[in-house]
């Protein structure tokens, strides 16, 4: 699966919960998951179980 942020091919489906309470399911690699979490853009980043 391809990361929707950077295009790396080892991404996983991830639930992203924003501080507004909105959620979206996007494919993110581990580095982008970390960047989302550390950047303060999200409250929680959860990899989904495949």
PDB file of N, CA and C in Angstrom:
ATOM      1  N   UNK A   1       0.847  -1.187   0.000  1.00  0.00           N
ATOM      2  CA  UNK A   1       0.000   0.000   0.000  1.00  0.00           C
ATOM      3  C   UNK A   1       0.890   1.247   0.000  1.00  0.00           C
ATOM      4  N   UNK A   2       0.477   2.251  -0.720  1.00  0.00           N
ATOM      5  CA  UNK A   2       1.284   3.464  -0.866  1.00  0.00           C
ATOM      6  C   UNK A   2       0.841   4.547   0.127  1.00  0.00           C
ATOM      7  N   UNK A   3       1.809   5.184   0.766  1.00  0.00           N
ATOM      8  CA  UNK A   3       1.533   6.275   1.702  1.00  0.00           C
ATOM      9  C   UNK A   3       0.912   7.452   0.949  1.00  0.00           C
ATOM     10  N   UNK A   4      -0.185   7.982   1.478  1.00  0.00           N
ATOM     11  CA  UNK A   4      -0.879   9.093   0.822  1.00  0.00           C
ATOM     12  C   UNK A   4      -0.150  10.424   1.009  1.00  0.00           C
ATOM     13  N   UNK A   5       0.815  10.466   1.911  1.00  0.00           N
ATOM     14  CA  UNK A   5       1.573  11.699   2.139  1.00  0.00           C
ATOM     15  C   UNK A   5       2.856  11.747   1.315  1.00  0.00           C
ATOM     16  N   UNK A   6       3.656  10.672   1.385  1.00  0.00           N
ATOM     17  CA  UNK A   6       4.984  10.725   0.761  1.00  0.00           C
ATOM     18  C   UNK A   6       5.179   9.722  -0.371  1.00  0.00           C
ATOM     19  N   UNK A   7       4.250   8.777  -0.545  1.00  0.00           N
ATOM     20  CA  UNK A   7       4.346   7.840  -1.651  1.00  0.00           C
ATOM     21  C   UNK A   7       5.158   6.586  -1.392  1.00  0.00           C
ATOM     22  N   UNK A   8       5.705   6.417  -0.194  1.00  0.00           N
ATOM     23  CA  UNK A   8       6.454   5.206   0.146  1.00  0.00           C
ATOM     24  C   UNK A   8       5.505   4.007   0.082  1.00  0.00           C
ATOM     25  N   UNK A   9       6.030   2.851  -0.294  1.00  0.00           N
ATOM     26  CA  UNK A   9       5.160   1.707  -0.556  1.00  0.00           C
ATOM     27  C   UNK A   9       4.839   0.843   0.666  1.00  0.00           C
ATOM     28  N   UNK A  10       5.373   1.158   1.842  1.00  0.00           N
ATOM     29  CA  UNK A  10       5.114   0.299   3.010  1.00  0.00           C
ATOM     30  C   UNK A  10       4.110   0.919   3.987  1.00  0.00           C
ATOM     31  N   UNK A  11       3.091   1.581   3.474  1.00  0.00           N
ATOM     32  CA  UNK A  11       2.105   2.244   4.330  1.00  0.00           C
ATOM     33  C   UNK A  11       1.041   1.260   4.809  1.00  0.00           C
ATOM     34  N   UNK A  12       0.344   1.659   5.892  1.00  0.00           N
ATOM     35  CA  UNK A  12      -0.775   0.880   6.422  1.00  0.00           C
ATOM     36  C   UNK A  12      -1.973   1.800   6.590  1.00  0.00           C
ATOM     37  N   UNK A  13      -3.180   1.218   6.496  1.00  0.00           N
ATOM     38  CA  UNK A  13      -4.382   1.998   6.776  1.00  0.00           C
ATOM     39  C   UNK A  13      -4.329   2.487   8.213  1.00  0.00           C
ATOM     40  N   UNK A  14      -4.611   3.752   8.406  1.00  0.00           N
ATOM     41  CA  UNK A  14      -4.489   4.395   9.706  1.00  0.00           C
ATOM     42  C   UNK A  14      -5.714   5.262   9.955  1.00  0.00           C
ATOM     43  N   UNK A  15      -6.257   5.201  11.176  1.00  0.00           N
ATOM     44  CA  UNK A  15      -7.326   6.119  11.566  1.00  0.00           C
ATOM     45  C   UNK A  15      -6.670   7.349  12.168  1.00  0.00           C
ATOM     46  N   UNK A  16      -6.950   8.508  11.588  1.00  0.00           N
ATOM     47  CA  UNK A  16      -6.398   9.770  12.084  1.00  0.00           C
ATOM     48  C   UNK A  16      -7.525  10.547  12.735  1.00  0.00           C
ATOM     49  N   UNK A  17      -7.370  10.888  14.019  1.00  0.00           N
ATOM     50  CA  UNK A  17      -8.363  11.679  14.738  1.00  0.00           C
ATOM     51  C   UNK A  17      -7.806  13.073  14.961  1.00  0.00           C
ATOM     52  N   UNK A  18      -8.465  14.048  14.357  1.00  0.00           N
ATOM     53  CA  UNK A  18      -8.022  15.431  14.486  1.00  0.00           C
ATOM     54  C   UNK A  18      -8.557  16.031  15.778  1.00  0.00           C
ATOM     55  N   UNK A  19      -7.952  17.127  16.230  1.00  0.00           N
ATOM     56  CA  UNK A  19      -8.374  17.785  17.465  1.00  0.00           C
ATOM     57  C   UNK A  19      -9.811  18.277  17.386  1.00  0.00           C
ATOM     58  N   UNK A  20     -10.325  18.464  16.188  1.00  0.00           N
ATOM     59  CA  UNK A  20     -11.711  18.902  15.995  1.00  0.00           C
ATOM     60  C   UNK A  20     -12.702  17.777  16.251  1.00  0.00           C
ATOM     61  N   UNK A  21     -12.200  16.542  16.387  1.00  0.00           N
ATOM     62  CA  UNK A  21     -13.075  15.391  16.575  1.00  0.00           C
ATOM     63  C   UNK A  21     -13.344  14.642  15.280  1.00  0.00           C
ATOM     64  N   UNK A  22     -12.948  15.236  14.158  1.00  0.00           N
ATOM     65  CA  UNK A  22     -13.123  14.566  12.867  1.00  0.00           C
ATOM     66  C   UNK A  22     -12.144  13.400  12.751  1.00  0.00           C
ATOM     67  N   UNK A  23     -12.554  12.379  12.019  1.00  0.00           N
ATOM     68  CA  UNK A  23     -11.690  11.227  11.771  1.00  0.00           C
ATOM     69  C   UNK A  23     -11.631  10.952  10.281  1.00  0.00           C
ATOM     70  N   UNK A  24     -10.513  10.425   9.837  1.00  0.00           N
ATOM     71  CA  UNK A  24     -10.432   9.928   8.470  1.00  0.00           C
ATOM     72  C   UNK A  24      -9.513   8.720   8.437  1.00  0.00           C
ATOM     73  N   UNK A  25      -9.760   7.858   7.465  1.00  0.00           N
ATOM     74  CA  UNK A  25      -8.935   6.667   7.273  1.00  0.00           C
ATOM     75  C   UNK A  25      -8.039   6.930   6.076  1.00  0.00           C
ATOM     76  N   UNK A  26      -6.739   6.947   6.303  1.00  0.00           N
ATOM     77  CA  UNK A  26      -5.782   7.178   5.228  1.00  0.00           C
ATOM     78  C   UNK A  26      -4.625   6.200   5.366  1.00  0.00           C
ATOM     79  N   UNK A  27      -3.920   5.997   4.285  1.00  0.00           N
ATOM     80  CA  UNK A  27      -2.742   5.127   4.298  1.00  0.00           C
ATOM     81  C   UNK A  27      -1.517   5.975   4.614  1.00  0.00           C
ATOM     82  N   UNK A  28      -0.822   5.624   5.698  1.00  0.00           N
ATOM     83  CA  UNK A  28       0.382   6.347   6.096  1.00  0.00           C
ATOM     84  C   UNK A  28       1.502   5.364   6.401  1.00  0.00           C
ATOM     85  N   UNK A  29       2.730   5.735   6.041  1.00  0.00           N
ATOM     86  CA  UNK A  29       3.890   4.952   6.456  1.00  0.00           C
ATOM     87  C   UNK A  29       4.216   5.317   7.909  1.00  0.00           C
ATOM     88  N   UNK A  30       5.120   4.575   8.506  1.00  0.00           N
ATOM     89  CA  UNK A  30       5.447   4.803   9.913  1.00  0.00           C
ATOM     90  C   UNK A  30       6.001   6.206  10.153  1.00  0.00           C
ATOM     91  N   UNK A  31       6.854   6.690   9.250  1.00  0.00           N
ATOM     92  CA  UNK A  31       7.428   8.029   9.406  1.00  0.00           C
ATOM     93  C   UNK A  31       6.346   9.103   9.375  1.00  0.00           C
ATOM     94  N   UNK A  32       5.383   8.971   8.462  1.00  0.00           N
ATOM     95  CA  UNK A  32       4.319   9.970   8.369  1.00  0.00           C
ATOM     96  C   UNK A  32       3.352   9.862   9.549  1.00  0.00           C
ATOM     97  N   UNK A  33       3.132   8.638  10.057  1.00  0.00           N
ATOM     98  CA  UNK A  33       2.329   8.489  11.275  1.00  0.00           C
ATOM     99  C   UNK A  33       2.975   9.272  12.410  1.00  0.00           C
ATOM    100  N   UNK A  34       4.295   9.125  12.559  1.00  0.00           N
ATOM    101  CA  UNK A  34       5.022   9.848  13.606  1.00  0.00           C
ATOM    102  C   UNK A  34       4.937  11.349  13.393  1.00  0.00           C
ATOM    103  N   UNK A  35       5.068  11.793  12.144  1.00  0.00           N
ATOM    104  CA  UNK A  35       5.019  13.223  11.841  1.00  0.00           C
ATOM    105  C   UNK A  35       3.642  13.799  12.164  1.00  0.00           C
ATOM    106  N   UNK A  36       2.586  13.066  11.835  1.00  0.00           N
ATOM    107  CA  UNK A  36       1.234  13.520  12.169  1.00  0.00           C
ATOM    108  C   UNK A  36       1.094  13.673  13.681  1.00  0.00           C
ATOM    109  N   UNK A  37       1.532  12.665  14.428  1.00  0.00           N
ATOM    110  CA  UNK A  37       1.385  12.682  15.882  1.00  0.00           C
ATOM    111  C   UNK A  37       2.220  13.785  16.524  1.00  0.00           C
ATOM    112  N   UNK A  38       3.471  13.940  16.075  1.00  0.00           N
ATOM    113  CA  UNK A  38       4.367  14.927  16.674  1.00  0.00           C
ATOM    114  C   UNK A  38       4.047  16.347  16.230  1.00  0.00           C
ATOM    115  N   UNK A  39       3.425  16.492  15.065  1.00  0.00           N
ATOM    116  CA  UNK A  39       3.134  17.813  14.527  1.00  0.00           C
ATOM    117  C   UNK A  39       1.958  18.502  15.193  1.00  0.00           C
ATOM    118  N   UNK A  40       1.275  17.792  16.086  1.00  0.00           N
ATOM    119  CA  UNK A  40       0.144  18.388  16.773  1.00  0.00           C
ATOM    120  C   UNK A  40      -1.098  18.492  15.903  1.00  0.00           C
ATOM    121  N   UNK A  41      -1.060  17.886  14.716  1.00  0.00           N
ATOM    122  CA  UNK A  41      -2.214  17.945  13.825  1.00  0.00           C
ATOM    123  C   UNK A  41      -3.287  16.948  14.227  1.00  0.00           C
ATOM    124  N   UNK A  42      -2.898  15.947  14.984  1.00  0.00           N
ATOM    125  CA  UNK A  42      -3.844  14.898  15.347  1.00  0.00           C
ATOM    126  C   UNK A  42      -3.788  14.639  16.842  1.00  0.00           C
ATOM    127  N   UNK A  43      -4.881  14.115  17.360  1.00  0.00           N
ATOM    128  CA  UNK A  43      -4.951  13.708  18.754  1.00  0.00           C
ATOM    129  C   UNK A  43      -4.428  12.284  18.898  1.00  0.00           C
ATOM    130  N   UNK A  44      -4.838  11.409  17.990  1.00  0.00           N
ATOM    131  CA  UNK A  44      -4.473   9.995  18.055  1.00  0.00           C
ATOM    132  C   UNK A  44      -4.226   9.476  16.647  1.00  0.00           C
ATOM    133  N   UNK A  45      -3.208   8.669  16.495  1.00  0.00           N
ATOM    134  CA  UNK A  45      -2.993   7.958  15.234  1.00  0.00           C
ATOM    135  C   UNK A  45      -2.965   6.472  15.566  1.00  0.00           C
ATOM    136  N   UNK A  46      -3.889   5.706  14.990  1.00  0.00           N
ATOM    137  CA  UNK A  46      -4.007   4.285  15.298  1.00  0.00           C
ATOM    138  C   UNK A  46      -3.864   3.440  14.049  1.00  0.00           C
ATOM    139  N   UNK A  47      -2.825   2.617  13.952  1.00  0.00           N
ATOM    140  CA  UNK A  47      -2.791   1.656  12.840  1.00  0.00           C
ATOM    141  C   UNK A  47      -3.922   0.641  13.005  1.00  0.00           C
ATOM    142  N   UNK A  48      -4.590   0.312  11.924  1.00  0.00           N
ATOM    143  CA  UNK A  48      -5.653  -0.681  11.963  1.00  0.00           C
ATOM    144  C   UNK A  48      -5.053  -2.076  11.873  1.00  0.00           C
ATOM    145  N   UNK A  49      -5.690  -3.036  12.523  1.00  0.00           N
ATOM    146  CA  UNK A  49      -5.244  -4.423  12.405  1.00  0.00           C
ATOM    147  C   UNK A  49      -5.667  -4.962  11.053  1.00  0.00           C
ATOM    148  N   UNK A  50      -4.737  -5.563  10.349  1.00  0.00           N
ATOM    149  CA  UNK A  50      -5.059  -6.112   9.023  1.00  0.00           C
ATOM    150  C   UNK A  50      -5.654  -7.495   9.170  1.00  0.00           C
TER     151      UNK A  50
END
